Amino acid sequence: MAEAHSIATTESERERRVAEAVHSGEMEGLRVDPGTMLDAGEYIAGQIDSSEVVARARARYGLA
């Protein structure tokens, strides 16, 4: 079983990562839905981690 490792990031780093991910999707012709953007905002603020963002997205689209 793999161990989960948490890497500390700053709010500005998380914001940059989200902006890059959104831009990447837009370059492929995709749009980020409002629920995902709310999750991204919580991630940027440090209220949830990236694993929770992924879990919520998977649940939102029935991939849990």
Protein backbone atom coordinates (compact mmCIF):
# COMPACT_ATOMS: atom_id res chain seq x y z
CA MET A 1 0.00 0.00 0.00
CA ALA A 2 1.36 3.42 -0.97
CA GLU A 3 1.85 6.06 1.66
CA ALA A 4 0.27 9.47 1.16
CA HIS A 5 2.70 12.35 1.39
CA SER A 6 1.64 15.93 1.89
CA ILE A 7 3.78 18.64 0.39
CA ALA A 8 3.32 22.10 1.88
CA THR A 9 2.52 24.75 -0.70
CA THR A 10 1.86 28.44 -0.47
CA GLU A 11 -1.42 30.03 -1.46
CA SER A 12 0.26 31.72 -4.42
CA GLU A 13 1.66 28.36 -5.59
CA ARG A 14 -1.78 26.73 -5.34
CA GLU A 15 -3.32 29.66 -7.22
CA ARG A 16 -0.71 29.32 -9.98
CA ARG A 17 -1.34 25.58 -10.26
CA VAL A 18 -5.10 26.10 -10.58
CA ALA A 19 -4.63 28.84 -13.19
CA GLU A 20 -2.34 26.56 -15.20
CA ALA A 21 -4.81 23.66 -15.02
CA VAL A 22 -7.74 25.86 -16.07
CA HIS A 23 -5.70 27.32 -18.93
CA SER A 24 -4.64 23.86 -20.07
CA GLY A 25 -8.27 22.75 -20.21
CA GLU A 26 -9.28 25.90 -22.06
CA MET A 27 -6.56 25.25 -24.64
CA GLU A 28 -8.23 21.88 -25.24
CA GLY A 29 -11.64 23.53 -25.63
CA LEU A 30 -12.93 22.63 -22.16
CA ARG A 31 -14.59 24.77 -19.52
CA VAL A 32 -14.39 24.33 -15.77
CA ASP A 33 -17.84 24.10 -14.18
CA PRO A 34 -18.82 26.38 -11.26
CA GLY A 35 -18.71 23.56 -8.68
CA THR A 36 -15.16 22.69 -9.61
CA MET A 37 -14.16 26.35 -9.43
CA LEU A 38 -15.63 26.52 -5.91
CA ASP A 39 -13.53 23.48 -4.98
CA ALA A 40 -10.50 25.13 -6.56
CA GLY A 41 -11.10 28.22 -4.45
CA GLU A 42 -11.13 26.11 -1.29
CA TYR A 43 -7.91 24.44 -2.44
CA ILE A 44 -6.25 27.79 -3.13
CA ALA A 45 -7.29 29.03 0.33
CA GLY A 46 -5.75 25.92 1.89
CA GLN A 47 -9.09 24.63 3.21
CA ILE A 48 -8.79 21.34 1.30
CA ASP A 49 -5.87 19.50 -0.27
CA SER A 50 -5.44 18.30 -3.84
CA SER A 51 -6.61 14.79 -2.94
CA GLU A 52 -9.93 16.23 -1.80
CA VAL A 53 -10.25 18.26 -5.01
CA VAL A 54 -9.80 15.06 -7.02
CA ALA A 55 -12.22 13.09 -4.80
CA ARG A 56 -14.90 15.75 -5.21
CA ALA A 57 -14.44 15.88 -8.98
CA ARG A 58 -14.65 12.10 -9.24
CA ALA A 59 -17.81 12.06 -7.12
CA ARG A 60 -19.34 14.93 -9.14
CA TYR A 61 -18.95 12.96 -12.37
CA GLY A 62 -19.77 9.52 -10.97
CA LEU A 63 -16.22 8.22 -11.05
CA ALA A 64 -15.92 7.52 -7.34
